[in-house]
Amino acid sequence: MVEMGIRKELAPVDEGNRILLPPACYTMSKAEKTKFCKCLHDIKVPSCYSANIKRLVSMKDNKLFGMKSHDYHVLMTHMIPIAIRGLLPESTRHTITKLCWFFNMIHSKCIDPEELNAWKNEIIITLCELDMYFPPSFFDVMVHLVIHIVGEINACGPVFLRYMYPFERYMGVLKSYIINRNRPEGSIVTRYASDEVIEFCTDYVEGVKSIGLPQSHHSCKLQGEGGVGMKLFNPHKESLELAHFYVLKHMTCLAPYVNEHLKLLQSTYPNKNKMWLEIQHNKEFSSWMKKKANDGQLDVDTIVKTLGHGPENRVKSYQGYKINGYTFYTKDQDEKSTMQNSGVTVIASTTKFDRTNRDTRLEISKNSYYGVIQEIWELNYRTFTVPMFKCQWVNNNSGVQVDKYGFTLVNLTTNGYASEPFILVSHCTQVFFVNDPSKPRYHIVLQGKRCILGVDNVVDEEEYDHFDDLPPFSLGVQLLDNPTDGATYL
């Protein structure tokens, strides 16, 4: 390389009694390797998201081991761009992140065909940048084939429709049928035929379950069911009223009564501004509905009457709850578990008022709010129950950032919106938080993976193996002004 005049930064350095070989731009020091492995070692993912990453990392040797194909998939599309934050030169890290961003986007459920050409051009540039930083031995045929993935999507459709994971999982099921290891094929055929016969017979017998066939442990995740740590307790009156008001506010059948109460307040207090009226409405609406229900003024649907009377004073509390295809835990339960199921996000509408004139409403905007579940309640309305989460929310004004790589960073120590801690379970989407190595105060938000069920509680494999629609790279990776600064290149 010295004679050819290339990569002068890697030329041997003669220090008298020894010759020093400078590290390449992609080489990590021992401290950087430790930091990289520590980040992966500390990651706790939600249930059914992936393998326990902690078991795949050796902090003693600073190595990864025992990974399967899906583990590589998760690392490449989600974890590596986070683990290398603050490591390696900026240009090298930026190129690796762009490569991961490409793999992340091609695994999306919905792909805009008009964006495919831009993706193809971007991945060509990314591979050229990798050629500037990495040695020729890195570029085997597998790296070259990345260029042709976009053409494959044009011809065959989204990548997730052609995953191998459902087939690998079903092969595991077939292998479990083997009893006589001397005749594996015969064992599989006999057990498979028995399962088919049993399933066929149960279709003609009402109210029975298949004998010997395990029930899916995801079967309750759509209807909603409490998990570990169930107990009955009497919450504070203020907290119970606050939870009840949140239920009333999100019931469509109560919309006419919401408008009626607001009009009543406007006529009673004509000199008050809109902001004051909304605050007063939040305080008085639940008691006003209860009074109407007790006076017999709600001669309508029984659900409206039941909601008007309010919930029972005794509330069921859980440490875990399964609904919407997710498994949710409280923060305390998360600390005892190897999984992280306490993170939630919800898209909510907020009303903004002019600070100088509170009577002027500027806009109603929808924002994503992030929080951690503190308690799980199940309000009993006698004829039905309503599950709710009591959360600690991140303050969007001071605790949420979006960096140039499109990552959403949250400061979990900020306690915002303490007056609105409750959220309906059916409105939540699961997220989990990974500590940002470059900013220890912040955590990066990653989307969970929902377990969708098909007919008769059969897992839809195509949905089951895919992550939620919102990727961690929500804005895409921005270009660097000087992509070659601080790196070794040709």
Protein backbone atom coordinates (compact mmCIF):
# COMPACT_ATOMS: atom_id res chain seq x y z
CA MET A 1 0.00 0.00 0.00
CA VAL A 2 2.92 2.31 0.67
CA GLU A 3 4.35 1.69 -2.80
CA MET A 4 0.93 2.18 -4.40
CA GLY A 5 0.32 5.35 -2.40
CA ILE A 6 -3.05 4.27 -1.01
CA ARG A 7 -4.42 4.22 2.54
CA LYS A 8 -1.44 6.05 3.94
CA GLU A 9 -3.13 6.13 7.38
CA LEU A 10 -2.59 2.34 7.59
CA ALA A 11 1.11 2.40 6.70
CA PRO A 12 3.42 0.79 9.32
CA VAL A 13 5.00 3.22 11.76
CA ASP A 14 8.63 2.54 12.74
CA GLU A 15 9.16 3.35 16.42
CA GLY A 16 12.77 2.22 16.69
CA ASN A 17 12.69 -1.17 18.37
CA ARG A 18 9.22 -2.01 17.13
CA ILE A 19 6.87 -1.41 14.21
CA LEU A 20 3.33 -0.24 14.94
CA LEU A 21 0.40 -1.09 12.63
CA PRO A 22 -2.30 1.62 13.00
CA PRO A 23 -5.88 0.34 13.43
CA ALA A 24 -8.33 0.68 10.55
CA CYS A 25 -11.39 2.91 10.81
CA TYR A 26 -13.65 -0.11 11.45
CA THR A 27 -11.45 -1.56 14.21
CA MET A 28 -12.79 -1.22 17.75
CA SER A 29 -10.58 -0.80 20.78
CA LYS A 30 -11.11 -3.03 23.79
CA ALA A 31 -13.07 -0.29 25.54
CA GLU A 32 -15.30 0.16 22.48
CA LYS A 33 -15.90 -3.59 22.24
CA THR A 34 -16.86 -3.66 25.91
CA LYS A 35 -19.23 -0.73 25.41
CA PHE A 36 -20.77 -2.37 22.34
CA CYS A 37 -21.33 -5.72 24.09
CA LYS A 38 -22.57 -3.99 27.26
CA CYS A 39 -25.27 -2.22 25.27
CA LEU A 40 -26.50 -5.50 23.73
CA HIS A 41 -26.15 -7.33 27.06
CA ASP A 42 -28.44 -4.83 28.83
CA ILE A 43 -31.22 -4.91 26.22
CA LYS A 44 -34.51 -6.42 27.41
CA VAL A 45 -37.02 -7.04 24.62
CA PRO A 46 -40.80 -7.66 24.89
CA SER A 47 -42.31 -11.12 24.95
CA CYS A 48 -42.33 -12.90 21.56
CA TYR A 49 -40.03 -10.23 20.08
CA SER A 50 -36.84 -12.26 19.74
CA ALA A 51 -34.49 -14.44 21.74
CA ASN A 52 -33.09 -13.13 25.01
CA ILE A 53 -30.17 -11.11 23.63
CA LYS A 54 -28.37 -11.21 26.97
CA ARG A 55 -27.73 -14.94 26.48
CA LEU A 56 -26.05 -14.28 23.13
CA VAL A 57 -23.39 -11.92 24.51
CA SER A 58 -20.22 -12.92 26.36
CA MET A 59 -18.96 -9.99 28.41
CA LYS A 60 -15.87 -11.99 29.38
CA ASP A 61 -14.66 -12.41 25.80
CA ASN A 62 -16.56 -9.44 24.28
CA LYS A 63 -18.09 -11.72 21.65
CA LEU A 64 -21.48 -12.77 20.28
CA PHE A 65 -22.23 -16.49 20.10
CA GLY A 66 -25.04 -19.00 19.56
CA MET A 67 -27.14 -16.76 17.32
CA LYS A 68 -29.74 -18.11 14.92
CA SER A 69 -31.01 -16.53 11.70
CA HIS A 70 -33.75 -14.51 13.41
CA ASP A 71 -31.26 -13.19 15.97
CA TYR A 72 -29.07 -11.86 13.14
CA HIS A 73 -32.17 -10.34 11.58
CA VAL A 74 -33.07 -8.47 14.78
CA LEU A 75 -29.51 -7.27 15.32
CA MET A 76 -29.10 -6.06 11.76
CA THR A 77 -32.41 -4.22 11.52
CA HIS A 78 -32.73 -2.83 15.05
CA MET A 79 -29.89 -3.28 17.52
CA ILE A 80 -26.58 -2.64 15.75
CA PRO A 81 -27.35 1.00 14.83
CA ILE A 82 -28.02 1.62 18.53
CA ALA A 83 -25.04 -0.33 19.89
CA ILE A 84 -22.52 1.54 17.70
CA ARG A 85 -23.75 5.01 18.70
CA GLY A 86 -20.74 6.93 19.96
CA LEU A 87 -18.30 4.31 18.60
CA LEU A 88 -16.09 4.33 15.48
CA PRO A 89 -15.52 7.40 13.28
CA GLU A 90 -18.64 9.30 12.30
CA SER A 91 -18.43 8.42 8.60
CA THR A 92 -17.98 4.69 9.21
CA ARG A 93 -20.81 4.62 11.73
CA HIS A 94 -23.04 6.58 9.37
CA THR A 95 -22.46 4.08 6.54
CA ILE A 96 -23.19 1.06 8.75
CA THR A 97 -26.37 2.74 9.97
CA LYS A 98 -27.48 3.36 6.38
CA LEU A 99 -26.98 -0.32 5.59
CA CYS A 100 -29.11 -1.29 8.59
CA TRP A 101 -31.70 1.30 7.60
CA PHE A 102 -31.97 -0.32 4.17
CA PHE A 103 -32.61 -3.76 5.67
CA ASN A 104 -35.08 -2.25 8.09
CA MET A 105 -37.11 -0.58 5.34
CA ILE A 106 -37.26 -3.56 2.97
CA HIS A 107 -38.85 -5.60 5.77
CA SER A 108 -41.76 -3.14 6.14
CA LYS A 109 -45.28 -4.43 5.57
CA CYS A 110 -46.21 -1.50 3.33
CA ILE A 111 -43.74 -0.33 0.70
CA ASP A 112 -44.30 2.58 -1.66
CA PRO A 113 -43.24 1.41 -5.17
CA GLU A 114 -42.18 4.95 -6.02
CA GLU A 115 -39.50 4.82 -3.30
CA LEU A 116 -37.82 1.66 -4.56
CA ASN A 117 -35.63 3.43 -7.12
CA ALA A 118 -34.38 5.81 -4.43
CA TRP A 119 -33.61 2.85 -2.17
CA LYS A 120 -31.66 1.16 -4.95
CA ASN A 121 -29.59 4.26 -5.62
CA GLU A 122 -28.96 4.70 -1.90
CA ILE A 123 -27.80 1.12 -1.33
CA ILE A 124 -25.38 1.40 -4.26
CA ILE A 125 -23.83 4.50 -2.67
CA THR A 126 -23.76 2.72 0.70
CA LEU A 127 -21.86 -0.28 -0.72
CA CYS A 128 -19.39 2.08 -2.40
CA GLU A 129 -18.79 3.78 0.94
CA LEU A 130 -18.28 0.37 2.57
CA ASP A 131 -15.69 -0.33 -0.13
CA MET A 132 -13.86 2.81 1.01
CA TYR A 133 -13.64 1.68 4.62
CA PHE A 134 -13.53 -2.14 4.68
CA PRO A 135 -10.95 -4.55 3.19
CA PRO A 136 -11.61 -6.43 -0.09
CA SER A 137 -12.15 -9.71 1.79
CA PHE A 138 -15.38 -8.25 3.19
CA PHE A 139 -16.99 -8.06 -0.24
CA ASP A 140 -18.07 -11.58 -1.11
CA VAL A 141 -21.04 -12.50 -3.31
CA MET A 142 -23.52 -12.10 -0.43
CA VAL A 143 -22.66 -8.43 -0.06
CA HIS A 144 -22.99 -7.92 -3.80
CA LEU A 145 -26.46 -9.52 -3.87
CA VAL A 146 -27.80 -6.72 -1.67
CA ILE A 147 -27.96 -4.56 -4.82
CA HIS A 148 -30.49 -6.96 -6.36
CA ILE A 149 -32.93 -7.01 -3.41
CA VAL A 150 -34.88 -4.01 -4.72
CA GLY A 151 -35.37 -5.71 -8.08
CA GLU A 152 -36.56 -8.81 -6.25
CA ILE A 153 -39.15 -6.72 -4.37
CA ASN A 154 -40.38 -5.28 -7.68
CA ALA A 155 -40.83 -8.79 -9.04
CA CYS A 156 -42.05 -10.72 -5.98
CA GLY A 157 -43.50 -8.20 -3.53
CA PRO A 158 -42.51 -7.32 0.06
CA VAL A 159 -39.82 -9.40 1.72
CA PHE A 160 -41.86 -10.36 4.79
CA LEU A 161 -44.21 -12.42 2.59
CA ARG A 162 -41.27 -14.71 1.80
CA TYR A 163 -39.82 -15.19 5.30
CA MET A 164 -38.38 -18.60 6.15
CA TYR A 165 -39.24 -18.29 9.85
CA PRO A 166 -42.75 -19.88 9.62
CA PHE A 167 -41.26 -22.91 7.86
CA GLU A 168 -38.47 -23.21 10.41
CA ARG A 169 -40.97 -22.98 13.25
CA TYR A 170 -43.21 -25.64 11.71
CA MET A 171 -40.23 -27.91 11.16
CA GLY A 172 -39.64 -27.66 14.89
CA VAL A 173 -43.24 -28.77 15.47
CA LEU A 174 -42.78 -31.77 13.18
CA LYS A 175 -39.53 -32.72 14.91
CA SER A 176 -41.36 -32.75 18.25
CA TYR A 177 -43.63 -35.52 16.85
CA ILE A 178 -40.71 -37.97 16.78
CA ILE A 179 -41.00 -40.70 19.43
CA ASN A 180 -39.17 -43.60 17.79
CA ARG A 181 -35.84 -42.11 16.71
CA ASN A 182 -35.14 -45.24 14.67
CA ARG A 183 -38.13 -44.36 12.45
CA PRO A 184 -38.37 -40.55 12.48
CA GLU A 185 -40.39 -40.22 9.27
CA GLY A 186 -42.95 -42.79 10.40
CA SER A 187 -43.36 -41.04 13.79
CA ILE A 188 -44.03 -37.72 12.11
CA VAL A 189 -46.59 -39.20 9.69
CA THR A 190 -48.43 -41.11 12.44
CA ARG A 191 -48.63 -38.13 14.81
CA TYR A 192 -49.62 -35.73 12.03
CA ALA A 193 -52.38 -38.06 10.87
CA SER A 194 -53.66 -38.42 14.45
CA ASP A 195 -53.82 -34.64 14.87
CA GLU A 196 -55.73 -34.27 11.62
CA VAL A 197 -58.28 -36.92 12.63
CA ILE A 198 -58.81 -35.37 16.06
CA GLU A 199 -59.26 -31.90 14.59
CA PHE A 200 -61.75 -33.26 12.03
CA CYS A 201 -63.82 -35.02 14.73
CA THR A 202 -63.95 -32.00 17.06
CA ASP A 203 -65.63 -29.96 14.32
CA TYR A 204 -68.72 -32.15 14.75
CA VAL A 205 -68.79 -32.18 18.57
CA GLU A 206 -69.94 -29.01 20.32
CA GLY A 207 -68.10 -27.64 23.33
CA VAL A 208 -65.08 -29.92 23.31
CA LYS A 209 -61.37 -29.34 22.85
CA SER A 210 -58.84 -31.38 20.93
CA ILE A 211 -57.33 -34.10 23.10
CA GLY A 212 -53.57 -33.94 23.36
CA LEU A 213 -53.23 -30.76 21.25
CA PRO A 214 -51.77 -27.80 23.16
CA GLN A 215 -53.74 -24.58 23.16
CA SER A 216 -52.00 -21.48 21.84
CA HIS A 217 -50.62 -19.35 24.67
CA HIS A 218 -51.58 -16.31 22.55
CA SER A 219 -55.29 -17.21 22.59
CA CYS A 220 -56.29 -14.52 25.09
CA LYS A 221 -54.19 -11.68 23.71
CA LEU A 222 -56.97 -10.15 21.64
CA GLN A 223 -59.89 -10.40 24.09
CA GLY A 224 -57.92 -9.27 27.13
CA GLU A 225 -57.05 -11.24 30.24
CA GLY A 226 -55.29 -10.43 33.47
CA GLY A 227 -52.08 -12.24 34.28
CA VAL A 228 -49.88 -12.50 37.35
CA GLY A 229 -50.37 -10.71 40.66
CA MET A 230 -54.15 -10.25 40.77
CA LYS A 231 -55.49 -8.57 43.91
CA LEU A 232 -58.50 -6.52 45.03
CA PHE A 233 -58.01 -3.14 46.68
CA ASN A 234 -59.79 0.14 47.34
CA PRO A 235 -57.99 2.99 45.53
CA HIS A 236 -58.12 6.62 46.57
CA LYS A 237 -61.36 8.30 45.67
CA GLU A 238 -59.61 10.93 43.52
CA SER A 239 -57.73 8.31 41.49
CA LEU A 240 -60.88 6.24 40.96
CA GLU A 241 -62.84 9.29 39.79
CA LEU A 242 -60.00 10.24 37.45
CA ALA A 243 -59.97 6.74 35.92
CA HIS A 244 -63.76 6.74 35.62
CA PHE A 245 -63.73 10.13 33.88
CA TYR A 246 -61.21 8.84 31.34
CA VAL A 247 -63.57 5.95 30.55
CA LEU A 248 -66.50 8.34 30.10
CA LYS A 249 -64.48 10.66 27.88
CA HIS A 250 -63.66 7.87 25.41
CA MET A 251 -67.09 6.26 25.11
CA THR A 252 -68.83 7.16 21.85
CA CYS A 253 -72.29 6.59 23.34
CA LEU A 254 -71.68 9.43 25.82
CA ALA A 255 -70.79 12.07 23.21
CA PRO A 256 -74.25 13.75 23.35
CA TYR A 257 -73.98 14.10 27.13
CA VAL A 258 -70.49 15.60 26.83
CA ASN A 259 -71.87 18.31 24.52
CA GLU A 260 -74.88 18.82 26.81
CA HIS A 261 -72.66 19.36 29.85
CA LEU A 262 -70.39 21.79 28.01
CA LYS A 263 -73.40 23.83 26.88
CA LEU A 264 -74.71 23.83 30.45
CA LEU A 265 -71.40 25.20 31.72
CA GLN A 266 -71.32 27.88 29.03
CA SER A 267 -74.81 29.07 29.95
CA THR A 268 -74.05 28.96 33.70
CA TYR A 269 -70.68 30.76 33.40
CA PRO A 270 -70.98 33.00 30.32
CA ASN A 271 -67.99 35.14 31.30
CA LYS A 272 -65.50 32.29 31.60
CA ASN A 273 -63.02 31.48 28.84
CA LYS A 274 -62.86 28.19 26.95
CA MET A 275 -59.83 26.90 28.82
CA TRP A 276 -61.55 27.35 32.19
CA LEU A 277 -64.71 25.67 30.89
CA GLU A 278 -62.78 22.61 29.72
CA ILE A 279 -61.02 22.27 33.08
CA GLN A 280 -64.33 22.59 34.91
CA HIS A 281 -65.92 20.06 32.55
CA ASN A 282 -63.19 17.55 33.42
CA LYS A 283 -63.85 18.04 37.14
CA GLU A 284 -67.65 17.88 37.13
CA PHE A 285 -68.68 15.64 34.25
CA SER A 286 -68.50 12.28 36.06
CA SER A 287 -70.47 13.55 39.09
CA TRP A 288 -73.00 15.22 36.77
CA MET A 289 -73.52 11.92 34.90
CA LYS A 290 -73.93 10.03 38.17
CA LYS A 291 -76.57 12.50 39.34
CA LYS A 292 -78.50 12.11 36.10
CA ALA A 293 -78.32 8.32 36.43
CA ASN A 294 -79.52 8.37 40.06
CA ASP A 295 -82.38 10.75 39.20
CA GLY A 296 -83.58 8.42 36.44
CA GLN A 297 -82.90 10.96 33.68
CA LEU A 298 -80.99 8.45 31.52
CA ASP A 299 -83.86 6.58 29.84
CA VAL A 300 -81.62 5.24 27.11
CA ASP A 301 -79.21 2.39 26.53
CA THR A 302 -78.35 0.27 29.59
CA ILE A 303 -74.65 0.80 28.91
CA VAL A 304 -75.09 4.55 29.33
CA LYS A 305 -76.95 4.02 32.61
CA THR A 306 -74.28 1.64 33.88
CA LEU A 307 -71.50 4.07 32.99
CA GLY A 308 -73.42 6.91 34.61
CA HIS A 309 -73.62 5.08 37.95
CA GLY A 310 -69.85 4.59 37.91
CA PRO A 311 -67.64 1.61 38.83
CA GLU A 312 -67.51 -0.30 42.08
CA ASN A 313 -65.14 0.96 44.73
CA ARG A 314 -63.10 -2.26 44.75
CA VAL A 315 -60.73 -2.51 41.79
CA LYS A 316 -58.84 -5.51 40.46
CA SER A 317 -55.14 -4.90 40.07
CA TYR A 318 -52.73 -6.99 37.99
CA GLN A 319 -49.00 -7.15 37.41
CA GLY A 320 -49.51 -8.45 33.86
CA TYR A 321 -52.22 -8.17 31.21
CA LYS A 322 -52.63 -9.67 27.74
CA ILE A 323 -54.61 -7.77 25.11
CA ASN A 324 -54.34 -6.46 21.53
CA GLY A 325 -51.81 -9.19 20.75
CA TYR A 326 -49.39 -7.87 23.40
CA THR A 327 -48.29 -8.93 26.86
CA PHE A 328 -48.06 -5.92 29.19
CA TYR A 329 -46.28 -5.80 32.57
CA THR A 330 -46.00 -3.16 35.25
CA LYS A 331 -42.61 -1.59 35.90
CA ASP A 332 -42.19 -3.61 39.10
CA GLN A 333 -42.92 -6.88 37.29
CA ASP A 334 -40.47 -5.92 34.52
CA GLU A 335 -37.65 -5.68 37.04
CA LYS A 336 -38.27 -9.33 38.01
CA SER A 337 -38.47 -10.52 34.41
CA THR A 338 -35.99 -11.06 31.60
CA MET A 339 -38.44 -9.27 29.27
CA GLN A 340 -39.47 -5.62 29.01
CA ASN A 341 -43.24 -5.30 28.63
CA SER A 342 -43.97 -2.07 30.50
CA GLY A 343 -43.40 0.47 27.71
CA VAL A 344 -46.44 1.95 25.96
CA THR A 345 -47.20 4.65 23.44
CA VAL A 346 -50.48 6.26 22.47
CA ILE A 347 -51.46 8.86 19.88
CA ALA A 348 -53.59 11.42 21.68
CA SER A 349 -55.18 14.74 20.77
CA THR A 350 -54.12 17.85 22.66
CA THR A 351 -55.73 21.28 22.66
CA LYS A 352 -53.41 24.29 22.49
CA PHE A 353 -54.51 27.71 23.70
CA ASP A 354 -53.02 31.14 23.14
CA ARG A 355 -51.07 32.07 26.29
CA THR A 356 -51.97 35.74 25.98
CA ASN A 357 -55.65 35.02 25.39
CA ARG A 358 -56.84 31.74 26.88
CA ASP A 359 -60.17 32.14 25.16
CA THR A 360 -58.50 31.55 21.78
CA ARG A 361 -57.88 27.93 20.85
CA LEU A 362 -54.97 27.71 18.45
CA GLU A 363 -55.23 24.09 17.26
CA ILE A 364 -56.00 20.51 18.15
CA SER A 365 -52.92 18.41 17.39
CA LYS A 366 -52.19 14.69 17.61
CA ASN A 367 -48.92 13.64 19.20
CA SER A 368 -47.30 10.38 20.23
CA TYR A 369 -46.85 10.05 23.97
CA TYR A 370 -44.51 7.55 25.62
CA GLY A 371 -44.82 6.11 29.09
CA VAL A 372 -44.11 3.28 31.50
CA ILE A 373 -46.91 1.27 33.13
CA GLN A 374 -47.00 1.72 36.90
CA GLU A 375 -50.27 -0.08 37.68
CA ILE A 376 -52.86 -2.14 35.80
CA TRP A 377 -56.50 -1.67 36.89
CA GLU A 378 -59.69 -3.40 35.88
CA LEU A 379 -62.75 -1.24 36.67
CA ASN A 380 -65.88 -3.26 37.43
CA TYR A 381 -69.09 -1.73 36.04
CA ARG A 382 -71.10 -4.75 37.27
CA THR A 383 -72.15 -5.98 33.81
CA PHE A 384 -68.74 -5.46 32.18
CA THR A 385 -65.17 -4.52 33.06
CA VAL A 386 -62.81 -1.93 31.59
CA PRO A 387 -59.02 -2.52 31.86
CA MET A 388 -56.82 0.56 32.26
CA PHE A 389 -53.15 1.41 32.63
CA LYS A 390 -51.84 3.93 35.11
CA CYS A 391 -48.64 5.26 33.56
CA GLN A 392 -45.81 7.66 34.14
CA TRP A 393 -45.58 9.71 30.96
CA VAL A 394 -42.54 11.34 29.39
CA ASN A 395 -42.87 15.08 29.01
CA ASN A 396 -42.99 15.77 25.27
CA ASN A 397 -41.74 19.33 25.66
CA SER A 398 -38.52 18.54 27.54
CA GLY A 399 -38.05 14.77 27.40
CA VAL A 400 -38.47 13.78 23.73
CA GLN A 401 -35.98 14.30 20.89
CA VAL A 402 -35.55 13.01 17.34
CA ASP A 403 -31.96 12.84 16.12
CA LYS A 404 -30.56 12.97 12.59
CA TYR A 405 -30.78 9.18 12.24
CA GLY A 406 -34.53 9.25 12.87
CA PHE A 407 -34.32 7.72 16.35
CA THR A 408 -36.82 8.89 18.95
CA LEU A 409 -35.02 9.57 22.24
CA VAL A 410 -36.92 9.91 25.52
CA ASN A 411 -35.84 10.92 29.01
CA LEU A 412 -37.70 8.53 31.29
CA THR A 413 -36.89 10.60 34.38
CA THR A 414 -39.23 13.39 33.26
CA ASN A 415 -42.67 12.97 34.80
CA GLY A 416 -45.13 14.80 32.60
CA TYR A 417 -48.93 14.98 32.50
CA ALA A 418 -49.30 13.76 36.10
CA SER A 419 -52.96 14.86 36.04
CA GLU A 420 -53.71 12.37 33.24
CA PRO A 421 -52.04 9.10 34.23
CA PHE A 422 -54.73 6.70 32.93
CA ILE A 423 -55.15 5.26 29.48
CA LEU A 424 -57.49 2.59 28.11
CA VAL A 425 -55.67 -0.66 27.43
CA SER A 426 -57.30 -0.95 24.00
CA HIS A 427 -55.69 2.35 22.92
CA CYS A 428 -52.10 1.32 23.68
CA THR A 429 -49.32 0.11 21.45
CA GLN A 430 -46.31 -1.58 22.99
CA VAL A 431 -42.82 -0.10 22.79
CA PHE A 432 -39.60 -0.82 24.62
CA PHE A 433 -36.68 1.38 25.57
CA VAL A 434 -32.97 0.81 24.96
CA ASN A 435 -30.41 2.94 26.75
CA ASP A 436 -28.53 5.24 24.36
CA PRO A 437 -24.77 4.54 24.70
CA SER A 438 -23.90 8.04 23.50
CA LYS A 439 -26.41 9.80 25.83
CA PRO A 440 -26.83 7.84 29.09
CA ARG A 441 -29.72 10.06 30.21
CA TYR A 442 -31.83 9.07 27.22
CA HIS A 443 -33.44 5.87 25.98
CA ILE A 444 -34.21 5.02 22.35
CA VAL A 445 -37.77 3.99 21.54
CA LEU A 446 -38.26 0.78 19.56
CA GLN A 447 -41.60 -0.68 18.49
CA GLY A 448 -42.83 -4.01 19.82
CA LYS A 449 -44.07 -6.97 17.83
CA ARG A 450 -47.73 -7.84 17.90
CA CYS A 451 -48.96 -11.45 17.88
CA ILE A 452 -51.89 -11.49 15.46
CA LEU A 453 -54.29 -14.43 15.65
CA GLY A 454 -56.21 -15.99 12.82
CA VAL A 455 -59.33 -18.13 12.85
CA ASP A 456 -59.74 -20.52 15.80
CA ASN A 457 -56.74 -19.04 17.63
CA VAL A 458 -54.29 -20.12 14.93
CA VAL A 459 -51.31 -17.79 14.78
CA ASP A 460 -51.01 -15.95 11.47
CA GLU A 461 -47.32 -16.57 10.83
CA GLU A 462 -46.89 -13.69 8.38
CA GLU A 463 -48.14 -11.19 10.97
CA TYR A 464 -46.52 -12.98 13.91
CA ASP A 465 -43.00 -12.69 12.53
CA HIS A 466 -43.20 -9.04 11.63
CA PHE A 467 -42.56 -6.00 13.79
CA ASP A 468 -44.96 -3.09 14.09
CA ASP A 469 -45.27 -0.61 11.24
CA LEU A 470 -43.35 2.20 12.94
CA PRO A 471 -39.62 1.50 12.42
CA PRO A 472 -36.92 2.95 14.67
CA PHE A 473 -35.59 4.92 11.68
CA SER A 474 -38.74 7.00 11.38
CA LEU A 475 -37.15 9.80 9.36
CA GLY A 476 -34.48 7.94 7.46
CA VAL A 477 -30.76 8.57 7.65
CA GLN A 478 -29.62 12.02 6.61
CA LEU A 479 -26.54 12.54 4.43
CA LEU A 480 -23.27 13.73 5.94
CA ASP A 481 -21.77 17.02 4.78
CA ASN A 482 -18.26 15.50 4.66
CA PRO A 483 -18.67 11.70 4.53
CA THR A 484 -14.93 11.01 4.29
CA ASP A 485 -13.70 13.11 7.19
CA GLY A 486 -11.82 11.13 9.85
CA ALA A 487 -11.88 7.83 7.93
CA THR A 488 -9.48 5.76 5.87
CA TYR A 489 -10.51 5.61 2.22
CA LEU A 490 -9.08 4.96 -1.23
